[in-house]
Amino acid sequence: MAKNNFRGMPGGMNQMAMMKQAQKMQQELLRMQEEQENKTYSATAGGGMVTASVNGKHELTDLQINPEAVDPDDVDMLQDMVIAAVNEAMRAADADAANNMSRLTGGLNLGGLF
């Protein structure tokens, strides 16, 4: 005779434990996302001539340009330094988010599930 999982509910208890674990993971994910959004990530370019800061929402929050970096005859170089600093700060924010997600999921690749 086949076992009925509904009577003793061994499978049901497993499901309840999984649901509790999923809810706990979701709460932790929301906490980490909020924490991530409030962090600031900074990066420099041009040997420190340009410093860009972004938050976890990928918003540029600060941009410092050393006056020595301002050369009216070479605006392209300044533009490149600004772009490089902003992009590096964004990469730092992304790397931190990926690291936090990896810690939360125990290294499982959930393929964009979250």
N, C-alpha and C. Protein backbone atom coordinates (compact mmCIF):
# COMPACT_ATOMS: atom_id res chain seq x y z
N MET A 1 0.84 -1.17 0.00
CA MET A 1 0.00 0.00 0.00
C MET A 1 0.89 1.25 0.00
N ALA A 2 0.57 2.20 -0.82
CA ALA A 2 1.37 3.42 -0.93
C ALA A 2 1.15 4.30 0.30
N LYS A 3 2.22 4.98 0.70
CA LYS A 3 2.12 5.88 1.85
C LYS A 3 1.36 7.13 1.44
N ASN A 4 0.55 7.58 2.34
CA ASN A 4 -0.21 8.80 2.11
C ASN A 4 0.47 9.94 2.87
N ASN A 5 1.02 10.89 2.17
CA ASN A 5 1.73 11.99 2.80
C ASN A 5 0.80 12.98 3.50
N PHE A 6 -0.49 12.89 3.28
CA PHE A 6 -1.40 13.84 3.88
C PHE A 6 -1.72 13.51 5.33
N ARG A 7 -1.75 12.23 5.68
CA ARG A 7 -2.14 11.85 7.04
C ARG A 7 -1.07 12.23 8.05
N GLY A 8 0.13 11.71 7.86
CA GLY A 8 1.21 11.99 8.80
C GLY A 8 1.89 13.31 8.49
N MET A 9 1.66 13.83 7.30
CA MET A 9 2.18 15.08 6.81
C MET A 9 3.70 15.22 6.86
N PRO A 10 4.47 14.15 6.63
CA PRO A 10 5.91 14.37 6.62
C PRO A 10 6.32 15.32 5.50
N GLY A 11 5.70 15.20 4.35
CA GLY A 11 6.00 16.12 3.25
C GLY A 11 5.49 17.52 3.54
N GLY A 12 4.35 17.60 4.23
CA GLY A 12 3.76 18.88 4.57
C GLY A 12 4.63 19.68 5.52
N MET A 13 5.23 19.01 6.47
CA MET A 13 6.12 19.69 7.41
C MET A 13 7.35 20.21 6.68
N ASN A 14 7.83 19.44 5.74
CA ASN A 14 8.96 19.87 4.94
C ASN A 14 8.62 21.15 4.17
N GLN A 15 7.42 21.16 3.62
CA GLN A 15 6.98 22.34 2.86
C GLN A 15 6.87 23.55 3.77
N MET A 16 6.35 23.36 4.97
CA MET A 16 6.21 24.47 5.90
C MET A 16 7.59 25.02 6.27
N ALA A 17 8.54 24.13 6.50
CA ALA A 17 9.89 24.56 6.83
C ALA A 17 10.50 25.32 5.66
N MET A 18 10.25 24.84 4.45
CA MET A 18 10.77 25.52 3.25
C MET A 18 10.14 26.90 3.11
N MET A 19 8.83 27.01 3.38
CA MET A 19 8.15 28.29 3.28
C MET A 19 8.70 29.28 4.30
N LYS A 20 8.93 28.81 5.53
CA LYS A 20 9.51 29.67 6.56
C LYS A 20 10.90 30.13 6.15
N GLN A 21 11.68 29.22 5.59
CA GLN A 21 13.03 29.56 5.14
C GLN A 21 12.97 30.59 4.01
N ALA A 22 12.02 30.40 3.08
CA ALA A 22 11.87 31.34 1.97
C ALA A 22 11.46 32.72 2.47
N GLN A 23 10.56 32.77 3.45
CA GLN A 23 10.13 34.05 4.02
C GLN A 23 11.29 34.74 4.73
N LYS A 24 12.07 33.94 5.46
CA LYS A 24 13.24 34.49 6.15
C LYS A 24 14.24 35.05 5.13
N MET A 25 14.44 34.32 4.04
CA MET A 25 15.36 34.76 3.00
C MET A 25 14.86 36.04 2.35
N GLN A 26 13.55 36.12 2.12
CA GLN A 26 12.98 37.32 1.51
C GLN A 26 13.15 38.53 2.43
N GLN A 27 12.91 38.35 3.73
CA GLN A 27 13.10 39.45 4.67
C GLN A 27 14.56 39.90 4.70
N GLU A 28 15.47 38.94 4.69
CA GLU A 28 16.89 39.26 4.68
C GLU A 28 17.27 39.99 3.39
N LEU A 29 16.70 39.56 2.27
CA LEU A 29 16.96 40.21 0.99
C LEU A 29 16.50 41.66 1.02
N LEU A 30 15.32 41.91 1.55
CA LEU A 30 14.81 43.28 1.63
C LEU A 30 15.69 44.14 2.53
N ARG A 31 16.15 43.57 3.65
CA ARG A 31 17.03 44.30 4.55
C ARG A 31 18.34 44.64 3.85
N MET A 32 18.89 43.66 3.12
CA MET A 32 20.16 43.88 2.41
C MET A 32 20.00 44.91 1.30
N GLN A 33 18.86 44.88 0.60
CA GLN A 33 18.63 45.86 -0.47
C GLN A 33 18.56 47.27 0.11
N GLU A 34 17.87 47.43 1.23
CA GLU A 34 17.77 48.74 1.85
C GLU A 34 19.15 49.22 2.32
N GLU A 35 19.90 48.31 2.92
CA GLU A 35 21.25 48.64 3.36
C GLU A 35 22.12 49.03 2.17
N GLN A 36 21.99 48.28 1.07
CA GLN A 36 22.77 48.54 -0.15
C GLN A 36 22.45 49.93 -0.70
N GLU A 37 21.18 50.28 -0.72
CA GLU A 37 20.77 51.57 -1.28
C GLU A 37 21.34 52.74 -0.48
N ASN A 38 21.60 52.53 0.80
CA ASN A 38 22.10 53.60 1.66
C ASN A 38 23.62 53.69 1.70
N LYS A 39 24.30 52.75 1.09
CA LYS A 39 25.76 52.78 1.06
C LYS A 39 26.25 53.74 -0.01
N THR A 40 27.48 54.20 0.17
CA THR A 40 28.13 55.05 -0.83
C THR A 40 29.39 54.35 -1.31
N TYR A 41 29.60 54.37 -2.61
CA TYR A 41 30.76 53.76 -3.24
C TYR A 41 31.51 54.84 -4.00
N SER A 42 32.79 54.94 -3.73
CA SER A 42 33.60 55.97 -4.38
C SER A 42 34.73 55.34 -5.17
N ALA A 43 35.14 56.02 -6.22
CA ALA A 43 36.27 55.58 -7.04
C ALA A 43 36.95 56.81 -7.61
N THR A 44 38.24 56.65 -7.90
CA THR A 44 39.00 57.75 -8.46
C THR A 44 39.53 57.38 -9.83
N ALA A 45 39.91 58.40 -10.57
CA ALA A 45 40.53 58.21 -11.89
C ALA A 45 41.55 59.32 -12.08
N GLY A 46 42.47 59.08 -13.00
CA GLY A 46 43.48 60.10 -13.30
C GLY A 46 44.41 60.34 -12.13
N GLY A 47 44.75 59.28 -11.41
CA GLY A 47 45.65 59.44 -10.28
C GLY A 47 45.05 60.26 -9.15
N GLY A 48 43.76 60.19 -9.00
CA GLY A 48 43.09 60.92 -7.92
C GLY A 48 42.58 62.28 -8.34
N MET A 49 42.72 62.61 -9.60
CA MET A 49 42.25 63.93 -10.08
C MET A 49 40.72 64.03 -10.07
N VAL A 50 40.05 62.90 -10.26
CA VAL A 50 38.58 62.88 -10.27
C VAL A 50 38.12 61.79 -9.31
N THR A 51 37.18 62.14 -8.44
CA THR A 51 36.57 61.17 -7.53
C THR A 51 35.07 61.23 -7.72
N ALA A 52 34.48 60.06 -7.95
CA ALA A 52 33.02 59.96 -8.11
C ALA A 52 32.47 59.07 -7.02
N SER A 53 31.31 59.44 -6.51
CA SER A 53 30.62 58.63 -5.50
C SER A 53 29.20 58.36 -5.97
N VAL A 54 28.79 57.11 -5.81
CA VAL A 54 27.44 56.69 -6.16
C VAL A 54 26.84 55.97 -4.96
N ASN A 55 25.51 55.91 -4.94
CA ASN A 55 24.86 55.13 -3.90
C ASN A 55 24.45 53.77 -4.48
N GLY A 56 23.85 52.95 -3.64
CA GLY A 56 23.45 51.62 -4.07
C GLY A 56 22.33 51.60 -5.08
N LYS A 57 21.71 52.75 -5.32
CA LYS A 57 20.67 52.87 -6.34
C LYS A 57 21.26 53.32 -7.67
N HIS A 58 22.59 53.35 -7.75
CA HIS A 58 23.31 53.78 -8.95
C HIS A 58 23.04 55.25 -9.30
N GLU A 59 22.94 56.07 -8.27
CA GLU A 59 22.78 57.50 -8.48
C GLU A 59 24.10 58.18 -8.12
N LEU A 60 24.56 59.04 -8.99
CA LEU A 60 25.78 59.81 -8.73
C LEU A 60 25.46 60.80 -7.62
N THR A 61 26.18 60.71 -6.49
CA THR A 61 25.88 61.56 -5.35
C THR A 61 26.93 62.64 -5.12
N ASP A 62 28.13 62.42 -5.66
CA ASP A 62 29.19 63.41 -5.47
C ASP A 62 30.21 63.27 -6.58
N LEU A 63 30.76 64.39 -7.00
CA LEU A 63 31.80 64.39 -8.02
C LEU A 63 32.81 65.47 -7.64
N GLN A 64 34.04 65.05 -7.39
CA GLN A 64 35.11 65.98 -7.03
C GLN A 64 36.12 66.02 -8.18
N ILE A 65 36.44 67.21 -8.64
CA ILE A 65 37.42 67.37 -9.71
C ILE A 65 38.51 68.30 -9.21
N ASN A 66 39.72 67.79 -9.19
CA ASN A 66 40.87 68.60 -8.79
C ASN A 66 41.05 69.69 -9.84
N PRO A 67 41.19 70.94 -9.42
CA PRO A 67 41.35 72.04 -10.37
C PRO A 67 42.51 71.82 -11.35
N GLU A 68 43.52 71.08 -10.93
CA GLU A 68 44.64 70.81 -11.84
C GLU A 68 44.23 69.93 -13.02
N ALA A 69 43.10 69.24 -12.88
CA ALA A 69 42.64 68.37 -13.97
C ALA A 69 41.91 69.15 -15.06
N VAL A 70 41.60 70.40 -14.78
CA VAL A 70 40.85 71.21 -15.73
C VAL A 70 41.82 71.91 -16.68
N ASP A 71 41.86 71.39 -17.89
CA ASP A 71 42.70 71.96 -18.93
C ASP A 71 41.78 72.30 -20.11
N PRO A 72 41.53 73.58 -20.36
CA PRO A 72 40.62 73.96 -21.44
C PRO A 72 41.03 73.39 -22.80
N ASP A 73 42.32 73.07 -22.96
CA ASP A 73 42.78 72.53 -24.23
C ASP A 73 42.61 71.02 -24.30
N ASP A 74 42.22 70.38 -23.19
CA ASP A 74 42.09 68.92 -23.19
C ASP A 74 40.86 68.50 -22.38
N VAL A 75 39.70 68.99 -22.79
CA VAL A 75 38.44 68.66 -22.13
C VAL A 75 38.15 67.17 -22.26
N ASP A 76 38.56 66.56 -23.35
CA ASP A 76 38.32 65.13 -23.55
C ASP A 76 38.93 64.29 -22.44
N MET A 77 40.12 64.65 -22.00
CA MET A 77 40.77 63.89 -20.93
C MET A 77 39.95 63.97 -19.65
N LEU A 78 39.46 65.15 -19.32
CA LEU A 78 38.64 65.32 -18.12
C LEU A 78 37.35 64.50 -18.23
N GLN A 79 36.73 64.55 -19.38
CA GLN A 79 35.51 63.77 -19.58
C GLN A 79 35.79 62.27 -19.40
N ASP A 80 36.89 61.81 -19.95
CA ASP A 80 37.25 60.40 -19.82
C ASP A 80 37.49 60.02 -18.35
N MET A 81 38.13 60.91 -17.59
CA MET A 81 38.39 60.62 -16.17
C MET A 81 37.08 60.56 -15.39
N VAL A 82 36.15 61.47 -15.70
CA VAL A 82 34.85 61.46 -15.02
C VAL A 82 34.12 60.16 -15.32
N ILE A 83 34.07 59.79 -16.57
CA ILE A 83 33.40 58.55 -16.97
C ILE A 83 34.04 57.34 -16.29
N ALA A 84 35.37 57.30 -16.27
CA ALA A 84 36.07 56.17 -15.66
C ALA A 84 35.78 56.09 -14.17
N ALA A 85 35.80 57.20 -13.48
CA ALA A 85 35.53 57.20 -12.04
C ALA A 85 34.10 56.77 -11.73
N VAL A 86 33.14 57.30 -12.48
CA VAL A 86 31.74 56.94 -12.26
C VAL A 86 31.53 55.45 -12.54
N ASN A 87 32.07 54.97 -13.64
CA ASN A 87 31.90 53.55 -13.98
C ASN A 87 32.53 52.64 -12.93
N GLU A 88 33.68 53.01 -12.42
CA GLU A 88 34.34 52.19 -11.40
C GLU A 88 33.53 52.19 -10.10
N ALA A 89 32.96 53.32 -9.74
CA ALA A 89 32.12 53.37 -8.54
C ALA A 89 30.88 52.50 -8.72
N MET A 90 30.31 52.51 -9.92
CA MET A 90 29.14 51.66 -10.21
C MET A 90 29.52 50.18 -10.11
N ARG A 91 30.70 49.84 -10.63
CA ARG A 91 31.15 48.44 -10.55
C ARG A 91 31.34 48.02 -9.10
N ALA A 92 31.83 48.93 -8.26
CA ALA A 92 32.01 48.62 -6.84
C ALA A 92 30.65 48.36 -6.19
N ALA A 93 29.65 49.15 -6.53
CA ALA A 93 28.30 48.94 -5.99
C ALA A 93 27.75 47.60 -6.45
N ASP A 94 27.93 47.28 -7.72
CA ASP A 94 27.45 46.00 -8.26
C ASP A 94 28.15 44.81 -7.61
N ALA A 95 29.46 44.93 -7.41
CA ALA A 95 30.22 43.84 -6.80
C ALA A 95 29.77 43.61 -5.37
N ASP A 96 29.50 44.68 -4.64
CA ASP A 96 29.03 44.55 -3.27
C ASP A 96 27.65 43.89 -3.24
N ALA A 97 26.77 44.29 -4.15
CA ALA A 97 25.44 43.69 -4.22
C ALA A 97 25.54 42.20 -4.56
N ALA A 98 26.40 41.84 -5.50
CA ALA A 98 26.57 40.44 -5.87
C ALA A 98 27.14 39.64 -4.71
N ASN A 99 28.08 40.23 -3.98
CA ASN A 99 28.66 39.56 -2.82
C ASN A 99 27.60 39.32 -1.74
N ASN A 100 26.77 40.32 -1.49
CA ASN A 100 25.70 40.18 -0.51
C ASN A 100 24.71 39.11 -0.93
N MET A 101 24.36 39.07 -2.21
CA MET A 101 23.41 38.07 -2.71
C MET A 101 24.01 36.67 -2.58
N SER A 102 25.27 36.55 -2.86
CA SER A 102 25.94 35.25 -2.75
C SER A 102 25.93 34.76 -1.30
N ARG A 103 26.17 35.69 -0.37
CA ARG A 103 26.11 35.32 1.05
C ARG A 103 24.72 34.87 1.43
N LEU A 104 23.69 35.57 0.92
CA LEU A 104 22.30 35.28 1.26
C LEU A 104 21.88 33.92 0.72
N THR A 105 22.28 33.62 -0.51
CA THR A 105 21.83 32.38 -1.15
C THR A 105 22.79 31.22 -0.94
N GLY A 106 23.83 31.45 -0.17
CA GLY A 106 24.79 30.38 0.07
C GLY A 106 25.54 30.00 -1.18
N GLY A 107 25.71 30.93 -2.10
CA GLY A 107 26.47 30.67 -3.32
C GLY A 107 25.64 30.07 -4.44
N LEU A 108 24.35 29.83 -4.20
CA LEU A 108 23.50 29.28 -5.26
C LEU A 108 23.29 30.33 -6.34
N ASN A 109 23.34 29.91 -7.58
CA ASN A 109 23.03 30.82 -8.69
C ASN A 109 21.56 30.68 -9.00
N LEU A 110 20.77 31.68 -8.60
CA LEU A 110 19.33 31.62 -8.79
C LEU A 110 18.90 32.28 -10.09
N GLY A 111 19.84 32.63 -10.92
CA GLY A 111 19.54 33.11 -12.27
C GLY A 111 18.57 34.26 -12.35
N GLY A 112 18.79 35.30 -11.56
CA GLY A 112 17.93 36.49 -11.65
C GLY A 112 16.60 36.32 -10.94
N LEU A 113 16.45 35.29 -10.13
CA LEU A 113 15.21 35.09 -9.41
C LEU A 113 14.92 36.26 -8.50
N PHE A 114 15.97 36.82 -7.91
CA PHE A 114 15.80 37.98 -7.02
C PHE A 114 16.26 39.18 -7.75
